[in-house]
Amino acid sequence: MQRAHALKVFRDLHRTCRIVFNGDVSTLKTAKDRIRAEFRANRMEQDPQKIAELLKYAEDVELLLRTTVIQVEYDENTSRCKLKLREGLAYQSFDDSPPKPKSSI
């Protein structure tokens, strides 16, 4: 059971990294290497509670990557940065204008 769950989390992390770091070869390679290293370092763990904690941590990392990481691409022609937004990001519209005063009728 835990082995199947670990493999699912491992695949989910790799899939999320492929989506999040699409087009950024060096960051994608670094992320994949880190995922492999972390899973390899803990593959001999026998304590079910520790394994559950590690898998929960990996699931949290996957969720954080999927919902918060935004790629930015610099356009040299316009000297502007372009956000590469994708479905599933947890962001809100940002409005830095001062709040409108409440009317007192």
PDB file of N, CA and C in Angstrom:
ATOM      1  N   MET A   1       0.827  -1.197   0.000  1.00  0.00           N
ATOM      2  CA  MET A   1       0.000   0.000   0.000  1.00  0.00           C
ATOM      3  C   MET A   1       0.866   1.254   0.000  1.00  0.00           C
ATOM      4  N   GLN A   2       1.837   1.306   0.946  1.00  0.00           N
ATOM      5  CA  GLN A   2       2.684   2.494   1.012  1.00  0.00           C
ATOM      6  C   GLN A   2       3.575   2.609  -0.217  1.00  0.00           C
ATOM      7  N   ARG A   3       3.993   1.482  -0.739  1.00  0.00           N
ATOM      8  CA  ARG A   3       4.831   1.523  -1.942  1.00  0.00           C
ATOM      9  C   ARG A   3       4.056   2.127  -3.112  1.00  0.00           C
ATOM     10  N   ALA A   4       2.819   1.699  -3.285  1.00  0.00           N
ATOM     11  CA  ALA A   4       1.989   2.233  -4.367  1.00  0.00           C
ATOM     12  C   ALA A   4       1.739   3.725  -4.165  1.00  0.00           C
ATOM     13  N   HIS A   5       1.505   4.130  -2.921  1.00  0.00           N
ATOM     14  CA  HIS A   5       1.281   5.546  -2.619  1.00  0.00           C
ATOM     15  C   HIS A   5       2.553   6.349  -2.902  1.00  0.00           C
ATOM     16  N   ALA A   6       3.702   5.801  -2.513  1.00  0.00           N
ATOM     17  CA  ALA A   6       4.980   6.483  -2.754  1.00  0.00           C
ATOM     18  C   ALA A   6       5.230   6.654  -4.253  1.00  0.00           C
ATOM     19  N   LEU A   7       4.942   5.624  -5.036  1.00  0.00           N
ATOM     20  CA  LEU A   7       5.124   5.717  -6.488  1.00  0.00           C
ATOM     21  C   LEU A   7       4.185   6.753  -7.103  1.00  0.00           C
ATOM     22  N   LYS A   8       2.955   6.820  -6.597  1.00  0.00           N
ATOM     23  CA  LYS A   8       2.003   7.809  -7.094  1.00  0.00           C
ATOM     24  C   LYS A   8       2.493   9.224  -6.798  1.00  0.00           C
ATOM     25  N   VAL A   9       2.951   9.449  -5.575  1.00  0.00           N
ATOM     26  CA  VAL A   9       3.450  10.774  -5.193  1.00  0.00           C
ATOM     27  C   VAL A   9       4.682  11.126  -6.022  1.00  0.00           C
ATOM     28  N   PHE A  10       5.565  10.151  -6.230  1.00  0.00           N
ATOM     29  CA  PHE A  10       6.772  10.348  -7.044  1.00  0.00           C
ATOM     30  C   PHE A  10       6.388  10.781  -8.461  1.00  0.00           C
ATOM     31  N   ARG A  11       5.442  10.068  -9.066  1.00  0.00           N
ATOM     32  CA  ARG A  11       4.992  10.407 -10.421  1.00  0.00           C
ATOM     33  C   ARG A  11       4.293  11.765 -10.459  1.00  0.00           C
ATOM     34  N   ASP A  12       3.474  12.037  -9.452  1.00  0.00           N
ATOM     35  CA  ASP A  12       2.784  13.334  -9.390  1.00  0.00           C
ATOM     36  C   ASP A  12       3.777  14.490  -9.315  1.00  0.00           C
ATOM     37  N   LEU A  13       4.819  14.326  -8.509  1.00  0.00           N
ATOM     38  CA  LEU A  13       5.842  15.371  -8.406  1.00  0.00           C
ATOM     39  C   LEU A  13       6.527  15.604  -9.749  1.00  0.00           C
ATOM     40  N   HIS A  14       6.896  14.529 -10.421  1.00  0.00           N
ATOM     41  CA  HIS A  14       7.547  14.666 -11.731  1.00  0.00           C
ATOM     42  C   HIS A  14       6.610  15.306 -12.753  1.00  0.00           C
ATOM     43  N   ARG A  15       5.364  14.900 -12.755  1.00  0.00           N
ATOM     44  CA  ARG A  15       4.384  15.468 -13.688  1.00  0.00           C
ATOM     45  C   ARG A  15       4.198  16.967 -13.422  1.00  0.00           C
ATOM     46  N   THR A  16       4.069  17.333 -12.176  1.00  0.00           N
ATOM     47  CA  THR A  16       3.896  18.740 -11.816  1.00  0.00           C
ATOM     48  C   THR A  16       5.115  19.557 -12.208  1.00  0.00           C
ATOM     49  N   CYS A  17       6.301  19.033 -11.974  1.00  0.00           N
ATOM     50  CA  CYS A  17       7.523  19.755 -12.362  1.00  0.00           C
ATOM     51  C   CYS A  17       7.586  19.949 -13.870  1.00  0.00           C
ATOM     52  N   ARG A  18       7.178  18.930 -14.622  1.00  0.00           N
ATOM     53  CA  ARG A  18       7.175  19.043 -16.080  1.00  0.00           C
ATOM     54  C   ARG A  18       6.252  20.171 -16.535  1.00  0.00           C
ATOM     55  N   ILE A  19       5.123  20.322 -15.866  1.00  0.00           N
ATOM     56  CA  ILE A  19       4.169  21.375 -16.221  1.00  0.00           C
ATOM     57  C   ILE A  19       4.661  22.740 -15.748  1.00  0.00           C
ATOM     58  N   VAL A  20       5.079  22.815 -14.495  1.00  0.00           N
ATOM     59  CA  VAL A  20       5.471  24.093 -13.888  1.00  0.00           C
ATOM     60  C   VAL A  20       6.725  24.670 -14.530  1.00  0.00           C
ATOM     61  N   PHE A  21       7.704  23.826 -14.811  1.00  0.00           N
ATOM     62  CA  PHE A  21       8.975  24.297 -15.355  1.00  0.00           C
ATOM     63  C   PHE A  21       9.098  24.054 -16.854  1.00  0.00           C
ATOM     64  N   ASN A  22       7.984  24.005 -17.551  1.00  0.00           N
ATOM     65  CA  ASN A  22       7.964  23.781 -18.992  1.00  0.00           C
ATOM     66  C   ASN A  22       8.823  24.824 -19.709  1.00  0.00           C
ATOM     67  N   GLY A  23       9.776  24.362 -20.485  1.00  0.00           N
ATOM     68  CA  GLY A  23      10.635  25.259 -21.249  1.00  0.00           C
ATOM     69  C   GLY A  23      11.891  25.689 -20.519  1.00  0.00           C
ATOM     70  N   ASP A  24      11.991  25.415 -19.229  1.00  0.00           N
ATOM     71  CA  ASP A  24      13.165  25.785 -18.437  1.00  0.00           C
ATOM     72  C   ASP A  24      13.949  24.508 -18.136  1.00  0.00           C
ATOM     73  N   VAL A  25      14.810  24.137 -19.061  1.00  0.00           N
ATOM     74  CA  VAL A  25      15.489  22.842 -19.016  1.00  0.00           C
ATOM     75  C   VAL A  25      16.334  22.671 -17.760  1.00  0.00           C
ATOM     76  N   SER A  26      17.114  23.684 -17.399  1.00  0.00           N
ATOM     77  CA  SER A  26      18.012  23.532 -16.252  1.00  0.00           C
ATOM     78  C   SER A  26      17.239  23.411 -14.937  1.00  0.00           C
ATOM     79  N   THR A  27      16.188  24.188 -14.764  1.00  0.00           N
ATOM     80  CA  THR A  27      15.390  24.101 -13.538  1.00  0.00           C
ATOM     81  C   THR A  27      14.649  22.773 -13.480  1.00  0.00           C
ATOM     82  N   LEU A  28      14.140  22.314 -14.604  1.00  0.00           N
ATOM     83  CA  LEU A  28      13.448  21.030 -14.650  1.00  0.00           C
ATOM     84  C   LEU A  28      14.396  19.894 -14.282  1.00  0.00           C
ATOM     85  N   LYS A  29      15.609  19.924 -14.816  1.00  0.00           N
ATOM     86  CA  LYS A  29      16.592  18.888 -14.496  1.00  0.00           C
ATOM     87  C   LYS A  29      16.944  18.910 -13.012  1.00  0.00           C
ATOM     88  N   THR A  30      17.143  20.107 -12.464  1.00  0.00           N
ATOM     89  CA  THR A  30      17.466  20.239 -11.045  1.00  0.00           C
ATOM     90  C   THR A  30      16.333  19.703 -10.176  1.00  0.00           C
ATOM     91  N   ALA A  31      15.101  20.034 -10.521  1.00  0.00           N
ATOM     92  CA  ALA A  31      13.945  19.566  -9.752  1.00  0.00           C
ATOM     93  C   ALA A  31      13.831  18.044  -9.819  1.00  0.00           C
ATOM     94  N   LYS A  32      13.991  17.478 -11.008  1.00  0.00           N
ATOM     95  CA  LYS A  32      13.899  16.024 -11.162  1.00  0.00           C
ATOM     96  C   LYS A  32      14.999  15.315 -10.382  1.00  0.00           C
ATOM     97  N   ASP A  33      16.210  15.871 -10.435  1.00  0.00           N
ATOM     98  CA  ASP A  33      17.323  15.287  -9.682  1.00  0.00           C
ATOM     99  C   ASP A  33      17.051  15.327  -8.179  1.00  0.00           C
ATOM    100  N   ARG A  34      16.484  16.435  -7.717  1.00  0.00           N
ATOM    101  CA  ARG A  34      16.191  16.582  -6.285  1.00  0.00           C
ATOM    102  C   ARG A  34      15.112  15.597  -5.849  1.00  0.00           C
ATOM    103  N   ILE A  35      14.087  15.431  -6.669  1.00  0.00           N
ATOM    104  CA  ILE A  35      13.024  14.470  -6.343  1.00  0.00           C
ATOM    105  C   ILE A  35      13.610  13.070  -6.220  1.00  0.00           C
ATOM    106  N   ARG A  36      14.396  12.681  -7.219  1.00  0.00           N
ATOM    107  CA  ARG A  36      15.017  11.346  -7.195  1.00  0.00           C
ATOM    108  C   ARG A  36      15.902  11.168  -5.967  1.00  0.00           C
ATOM    109  N   ALA A  37      16.710  12.186  -5.660  1.00  0.00           N
ATOM    110  CA  ALA A  37      17.633  12.103  -4.527  1.00  0.00           C
ATOM    111  C   ALA A  37      16.881  11.960  -3.204  1.00  0.00           C
ATOM    112  N   GLU A  38      15.815  12.719  -3.032  1.00  0.00           N
ATOM    113  CA  GLU A  38      15.047  12.648  -1.782  1.00  0.00           C
ATOM    114  C   GLU A  38      14.367  11.290  -1.622  1.00  0.00           C
ATOM    115  N   PHE A  39      13.786  10.775  -2.687  1.00  0.00           N
ATOM    116  CA  PHE A  39      13.140   9.470  -2.596  1.00  0.00           C
ATOM    117  C   PHE A  39      14.184   8.374  -2.389  1.00  0.00           C
ATOM    118  N   ARG A  40      15.317   8.478  -3.060  1.00  0.00           N
ATOM    119  CA  ARG A  40      16.378   7.489  -2.911  1.00  0.00           C
ATOM    120  C   ARG A  40      16.938   7.496  -1.489  1.00  0.00           C
ATOM    121  N   ALA A  41      17.091   8.690  -0.916  1.00  0.00           N
ATOM    122  CA  ALA A  41      17.656   8.812   0.428  1.00  0.00           C
ATOM    123  C   ALA A  41      16.753   8.180   1.487  1.00  0.00           C
ATOM    124  N   ASN A  42      15.474   8.108   1.215  1.00  0.00           N
ATOM    125  CA  ASN A  42      14.531   7.583   2.205  1.00  0.00           C
ATOM    126  C   ASN A  42      13.923   6.239   1.818  1.00  0.00           C
ATOM    127  N   ARG A  43      14.479   5.582   0.824  1.00  0.00           N
ATOM    128  CA  ARG A  43      13.862   4.342   0.339  1.00  0.00           C
ATOM    129  C   ARG A  43      13.968   3.180   1.327  1.00  0.00           C
ATOM    130  N   MET A  44      14.915   3.240   2.251  1.00  0.00           N
ATOM    131  CA  MET A  44      15.082   2.153   3.215  1.00  0.00           C
ATOM    132  C   MET A  44      14.327   2.409   4.523  1.00  0.00           C
ATOM    133  N   GLU A  45      13.592   3.479   4.583  1.00  0.00           N
ATOM    134  CA  GLU A  45      12.836   3.811   5.806  1.00  0.00           C
ATOM    135  C   GLU A  45      11.805   2.720   6.083  1.00  0.00           C
ATOM    136  N   GLN A  46      11.750   2.258   7.337  1.00  0.00           N
ATOM    137  CA  GLN A  46      10.848   1.171   7.723  1.00  0.00           C
ATOM    138  C   GLN A  46       9.689   1.629   8.606  1.00  0.00           C
ATOM    139  N   ASP A  47       9.858   2.741   9.304  1.00  0.00           N
ATOM    140  CA  ASP A  47       8.844   3.225  10.240  1.00  0.00           C
ATOM    141  C   ASP A  47       7.631   3.768   9.474  1.00  0.00           C
ATOM    142  N   PRO A  48       6.464   3.136   9.619  1.00  0.00           N
ATOM    143  CA  PRO A  48       5.272   3.575   8.879  1.00  0.00           C
ATOM    144  C   PRO A  48       4.882   5.031   9.155  1.00  0.00           C
ATOM    145  N   GLN A  49       5.076   5.472  10.404  1.00  0.00           N
ATOM    146  CA  GLN A  49       4.737   6.859  10.740  1.00  0.00           C
ATOM    147  C   GLN A  49       5.670   7.830  10.022  1.00  0.00           C
ATOM    148  N   LYS A  50       6.949   7.520   9.990  1.00  0.00           N
ATOM    149  CA  LYS A  50       7.930   8.371   9.302  1.00  0.00           C
ATOM    150  C   LYS A  50       7.651   8.386   7.798  1.00  0.00           C
ATOM    151  N   ILE A  51       7.313   7.236   7.240  1.00  0.00           N
ATOM    152  CA  ILE A  51       6.988   7.148   5.810  1.00  0.00           C
ATOM    153  C   ILE A  51       5.767   8.009   5.498  1.00  0.00           C
ATOM    154  N   ALA A  52       4.754   7.933   6.358  1.00  0.00           N
ATOM    155  CA  ALA A  52       3.548   8.746   6.158  1.00  0.00           C
ATOM    156  C   ALA A  52       3.884  10.235   6.205  1.00  0.00           C
ATOM    157  N   GLU A  53       4.769  10.633   7.130  1.00  0.00           N
ATOM    158  CA  GLU A  53       5.186  12.037   7.224  1.00  0.00           C
ATOM    159  C   GLU A  53       5.922  12.479   5.962  1.00  0.00           C
ATOM    160  N   LEU A  54       6.822  11.643   5.480  1.00  0.00           N
ATOM    161  CA  LEU A  54       7.587  11.969   4.273  1.00  0.00           C
ATOM    162  C   LEU A  54       6.669  12.096   3.056  1.00  0.00           C
ATOM    163  N   LEU A  55       5.713  11.191   2.933  1.00  0.00           N
ATOM    164  CA  LEU A  55       4.783  11.252   1.804  1.00  0.00           C
ATOM    165  C   LEU A  55       3.877  12.473   1.899  1.00  0.00           C
ATOM    166  N   LYS A  56       3.455  12.821   3.109  1.00  0.00           N
ATOM    167  CA  LYS A  56       2.635  14.026   3.298  1.00  0.00           C
ATOM    168  C   LYS A  56       3.435  15.263   2.903  1.00  0.00           C
ATOM    169  N   TYR A  57       4.709  15.302   3.287  1.00  0.00           N
ATOM    170  CA  TYR A  57       5.586  16.418   2.924  1.00  0.00           C
ATOM    171  C   TYR A  57       5.714  16.518   1.400  1.00  0.00           C
ATOM    172  N   ALA A  58       5.918  15.382   0.742  1.00  0.00           N
ATOM    173  CA  ALA A  58       6.046  15.368  -0.719  1.00  0.00           C
ATOM    174  C   ALA A  58       4.750  15.835  -1.383  1.00  0.00           C
ATOM    175  N   GLU A  59       3.609  15.422  -0.852  1.00  0.00           N
ATOM    176  CA  GLU A  59       2.321  15.875  -1.396  1.00  0.00           C
ATOM    177  C   GLU A  59       2.153  17.381  -1.220  1.00  0.00           C
ATOM    178  N   ASP A  60       2.592  17.900  -0.075  1.00  0.00           N
ATOM    179  CA  ASP A  60       2.512  19.346   0.172  1.00  0.00           C
ATOM    180  C   ASP A  60       3.408  20.120  -0.789  1.00  0.00           C
ATOM    181  N   VAL A  61       4.592  19.588  -1.051  1.00  0.00           N
ATOM    182  CA  VAL A  61       5.512  20.228  -2.001  1.00  0.00           C
ATOM    183  C   VAL A  61       4.892  20.250  -3.392  1.00  0.00           C
ATOM    184  N   GLU A  62       4.284  19.142  -3.792  1.00  0.00           N
ATOM    185  CA  GLU A  62       3.644  19.071  -5.111  1.00  0.00           C
ATOM    186  C   GLU A  62       2.523  20.103  -5.224  1.00  0.00           C
ATOM    187  N   LEU A  63       1.709  20.217  -4.184  1.00  0.00           N
ATOM    188  CA  LEU A  63       0.618  21.192  -4.173  1.00  0.00           C
ATOM    189  C   LEU A  63       1.161  22.616  -4.238  1.00  0.00           C
ATOM    190  N   LEU A  64       2.196  22.884  -3.480  1.00  0.00           N
ATOM    191  CA  LEU A  64       2.808  24.213  -3.476  1.00  0.00           C
ATOM    192  C   LEU A  64       3.365  24.570  -4.852  1.00  0.00           C
ATOM    193  N   LEU A  65       4.068  23.639  -5.474  1.00  0.00           N
ATOM    194  CA  LEU A  65       4.597  23.879  -6.820  1.00  0.00           C
ATOM    195  C   LEU A  65       3.467  24.151  -7.811  1.00  0.00           C
ATOM    196  N   ARG A  66       2.444  23.319  -7.750  1.00  0.00           N
ATOM    197  CA  ARG A  66       1.342  23.406  -8.712  1.00  0.00           C
ATOM    198  C   ARG A  66       0.538  24.693  -8.572  1.00  0.00           C
ATOM    199  N   THR A  67       0.401  25.197  -7.356  1.00  0.00           N
ATOM    200  CA  THR A  67      -0.497  26.326  -7.136  1.00  0.00           C
ATOM    201  C   THR A  67       0.185  27.673  -6.961  1.00  0.00           C
ATOM    202  N   THR A  68       1.502  27.704  -6.756  1.00  0.00           N
ATOM    203  CA  THR A  68       2.134  28.997  -6.459  1.00  0.00           C
ATOM    204  C   THR A  68       3.275  29.402  -7.377  1.00  0.00           C
ATOM    205  N   VAL A  69       3.893  28.477  -8.071  1.00  0.00           N
ATOM    206  CA  VAL A  69       5.048  28.826  -8.906  1.00  0.00           C
ATOM    207  C   VAL A  69       4.569  29.367 -10.250  1.00  0.00           C
ATOM    208  N   ILE A  70       5.057  30.557 -10.585  1.00  0.00           N
ATOM    209  CA  ILE A  70       4.705  31.209 -11.845  1.00  0.00           C
ATOM    210  C   ILE A  70       5.992  31.476 -12.611  1.00  0.00           C
ATOM    211  N   GLN A  71       6.024  31.089 -13.863  1.00  0.00           N
ATOM    212  CA  GLN A  71       7.178  31.393 -14.705  1.00  0.00           C
ATOM    213  C   GLN A  71       7.052  32.806 -15.253  1.00  0.00           C
ATOM    214  N   VAL A  72       8.191  33.473 -15.334  1.00  0.00           N
ATOM    215  CA  VAL A  72       8.246  34.813 -15.905  1.00  0.00           C
ATOM    216  C   VAL A  72       9.223  34.763 -17.068  1.00  0.00           C
ATOM    217  N   GLU A  73       8.819  35.320 -18.189  1.00  0.00           N
ATOM    218  CA  GLU A  73       9.661  35.333 -19.383  1.00  0.00           C
ATOM    219  C   GLU A  73       9.955  36.783 -19.756  1.00  0.00           C
ATOM    220  N   TYR A  74      11.240  37.106 -19.900  1.00  0.00           N
ATOM    221  CA  TYR A  74      11.638  38.466 -20.256  1.00  0.00           C
ATOM    222  C   TYR A  74      11.647  38.613 -21.774  1.00  0.00           C
ATOM    223  N   ASP A  75      10.993  39.652 -22.260  1.00  0.00           N
ATOM    224  CA  ASP A  75      10.952  39.950 -23.686  1.00  0.00           C
ATOM    225  C   ASP A  75      11.910  41.104 -23.953  1.00  0.00           C
ATOM    226  N   GLU A  76      13.014  40.813 -24.621  1.00  0.00           N
ATOM    227  CA  GLU A  76      14.029  41.837 -24.879  1.00  0.00           C
ATOM    228  C   GLU A  76      13.531  42.921 -25.826  1.00  0.00           C
ATOM    229  N   ASN A  77      12.631  42.579 -26.722  1.00  0.00           N
ATOM    230  CA  ASN A  77      12.111  43.561 -27.680  1.00  0.00           C
ATOM    231  C   ASN A  77      11.317  44.667 -26.993  1.00  0.00           C
ATOM    232  N   THR A  78      10.519  44.296 -26.022  1.00  0.00           N
ATOM    233  CA  THR A  78       9.676  45.285 -25.342  1.00  0.00           C
ATOM    234  C   THR A  78      10.216  45.677 -23.969  1.00  0.00           C
ATOM    235  N   SER A  79      11.277  45.029 -23.529  1.00  0.00           N
ATOM    236  CA  SER A  79      11.845  45.245 -22.187  1.00  0.00           C
ATOM    237  C   SER A  79      10.799  45.029 -21.092  1.00  0.00           C
ATOM    238  N   ARG A  80       9.973  44.050 -21.288  1.00  0.00           N
ATOM    239  CA  ARG A  80       8.935  43.720 -20.313  1.00  0.00           C
ATOM    240  C   ARG A  80       8.991  42.242 -19.962  1.00  0.00           C
ATOM    241  N   CYS A  81       8.438  41.955 -18.821  1.00  0.00           N
ATOM    242  CA  CYS A  81       8.317  40.568 -18.388  1.00  0.00           C
ATOM    243  C   CYS A  81       6.898  40.085 -18.641  1.00  0.00           C
ATOM    244  N   LYS A  82       6.798  38.835 -19.049  1.00  0.00           N
ATOM    245  CA  LYS A  82       5.491  38.243 -19.324  1.00  0.00           C
ATOM    246  C   LYS A  82       5.296  37.068 -18.367  1.00  0.00           C
ATOM    247  N   LEU A  83       4.176  37.078 -17.661  1.00  0.00           N
ATOM    248  CA  LEU A  83       3.850  35.973 -16.768  1.00  0.00           C
ATOM    249  C   LEU A  83       3.262  34.828 -17.572  1.00  0.00           C
ATOM    250  N   LYS A  84       3.727  33.626 -17.306  1.00  0.00           N
ATOM    251  CA  LYS A  84       3.163  32.439 -17.947  1.00  0.00           C
ATOM    252  C   LYS A  84       2.181  31.803 -16.966  1.00  0.00           C
ATOM    253  N   LEU A  85       0.944  32.270 -17.013  1.00  0.00           N
ATOM    254  CA  LEU A  85      -0.079  31.755 -16.109  1.00  0.00           C
ATOM    255  C   LEU A  85      -0.661  30.471 -16.675  1.00  0.00           C
ATOM    256  N   ARG A  86      -1.046  29.586 -15.788  1.00  0.00           N
ATOM    257  CA  ARG A  86      -1.637  28.317 -16.205  1.00  0.00           C
ATOM    258  C   ARG A  86      -2.792  27.983 -15.276  1.00  0.00           C
ATOM    259  N   GLU A  87      -3.574  27.048 -15.684  1.00  0.00           N
ATOM    260  CA  GLU A  87      -4.731  26.639 -14.888  1.00  0.00           C
ATOM    261  C   GLU A  87      -4.263  26.025 -13.570  1.00  0.00           C
ATOM    262  N   GLY A  88      -4.985  26.318 -12.509  1.00  0.00           N
ATOM    263  CA  GLY A  88      -4.677  25.723 -11.218  1.00  0.00           C
ATOM    264  C   GLY A  88      -3.882  26.613 -10.288  1.00  0.00           C
ATOM    265  N   LEU A  89      -3.443  27.772 -10.764  1.00  0.00           N
ATOM    266  CA  LEU A  89      -2.694  28.676  -9.898  1.00  0.00           C
ATOM    267  C   LEU A  89      -3.621  29.313  -8.872  1.00  0.00           C
ATOM    268  N   ALA A  90      -3.133  29.448  -7.667  1.00  0.00           N
ATOM    269  CA  ALA A  90      -3.917  30.072  -6.598  1.00  0.00           C
ATOM    270  C   ALA A  90      -3.490  31.527  -6.479  1.00  0.00           C
ATOM    271  N   TYR A  91      -3.984  32.348  -7.362  1.00  0.00           N
ATOM    272  CA  TYR A  91      -3.661  33.771  -7.308  1.00  0.00           C
ATOM    273  C   TYR A  91      -4.948  34.569  -7.350  1.00  0.00           C
ATOM    274  N   GLN A  92      -4.837  35.790  -6.888  1.00  0.00           N
ATOM    275  CA  GLN A  92      -5.988  36.678  -6.898  1.00  0.00           C
ATOM    276  C   GLN A  92      -5.629  37.899  -7.711  1.00  0.00           C
ATOM    277  N   SER A  93      -6.628  38.579  -8.204  1.00  0.00           N
ATOM    278  CA  SER A  93      -6.383  39.834  -8.901  1.00  0.00           C
ATOM    279  C   SER A  93      -5.819  40.820  -7.896  1.00  0.00           C
ATOM    280  N   PHE A  94      -4.792  41.524  -8.294  1.00  0.00           N
ATOM    281  CA  PHE A  94      -4.161  42.479  -7.399  1.00  0.00           C
ATOM    282  C   PHE A  94      -4.534  43.878  -7.837  1.00  0.00           C
ATOM    283  N   ASP A  95      -5.060  44.632  -6.919  1.00  0.00           N
ATOM    284  CA  ASP A  95      -5.437  46.012  -7.196  1.00  0.00           C
ATOM    285  C   ASP A  95      -4.810  46.882  -6.117  1.00  0.00           C
ATOM    286  N   ASP A  96      -3.819  47.685  -6.501  1.00  0.00           N
ATOM    287  CA  ASP A  96      -3.132  48.505  -5.506  1.00  0.00           C
ATOM    288  C   ASP A  96      -3.708  49.915  -5.397  1.00  0.00           C
ATOM    289  N   SER A  97      -4.851  50.149  -6.018  1.00  0.00           N
ATOM    290  CA  SER A  97      -5.472  51.466  -5.898  1.00  0.00           C
ATOM    291  C   SER A  97      -6.071  51.610  -4.498  1.00  0.00           C
ATOM    292  N   PRO A  98      -6.109  52.841  -3.982  1.00  0.00           N
ATOM    293  CA  PRO A  98      -6.646  53.034  -2.627  1.00  0.00           C
ATOM    294  C   PRO A  98      -8.123  52.662  -2.578  1.00  0.00           C
ATOM    295  N   PRO A  99      -8.560  52.165  -1.443  1.00  0.00           N
ATOM    296  CA  PRO A  99      -9.971  51.784  -1.333  1.00  0.00           C
ATOM    297  C   PRO A  99     -10.876  53.007  -1.440  1.00  0.00           C
ATOM    298  N   LYS A 100     -12.030  52.792  -2.007  1.00  0.00           N
ATOM    299  CA  LYS A 100     -12.994  53.885  -2.148  1.00  0.00           C
ATOM    300  C   LYS A 100     -13.640  54.151  -0.789  1.00  0.00           C
ATOM    301  N   PRO A 101     -13.815  55.428  -0.459  1.00  0.00           N
ATOM    302  CA  PRO A 101     -14.445  55.736   0.831  1.00  0.00           C
ATOM    303  C   PRO A 101     -15.905  55.292   0.834  1.00  0.00           C
ATOM    304  N   LYS A 102     -16.345  54.852   1.974  1.00  0.00           N
ATOM    305  CA  LYS A 102     -17.738  54.423   2.111  1.00  0.00           C
ATOM    306  C   LYS A 102     -18.621  55.661   2.135  1.00  0.00           C
ATOM    307  N   SER A 103     -19.701  55.576   1.421  1.00  0.00           N
ATOM    308  CA  SER A 103     -20.628  56.718   1.411  1.00  0.00           C
ATOM    309  C   SER A 103     -21.476  56.687   2.677  1.00  0.00           C
ATOM    310  N   SER A 104     -21.669  57.843   3.244  1.00  0.00           N
ATOM    311  CA  SER A 104     -22.474  57.927   4.472  1.00  0.00           C
ATOM    312  C   SER A 104     -23.799  58.609   4.158  1.00  0.00           C
ATOM    313  N   ILE A 105     -24.737  57.835   3.769  1.00  0.00           N
ATOM    314  CA  ILE A 105     -26.059  58.373   3.407  1.00  0.00           C
ATOM    315  C   ILE A 105     -27.003  58.201   4.558  1.00  0.00           C
TER     316      ILE A 105
END
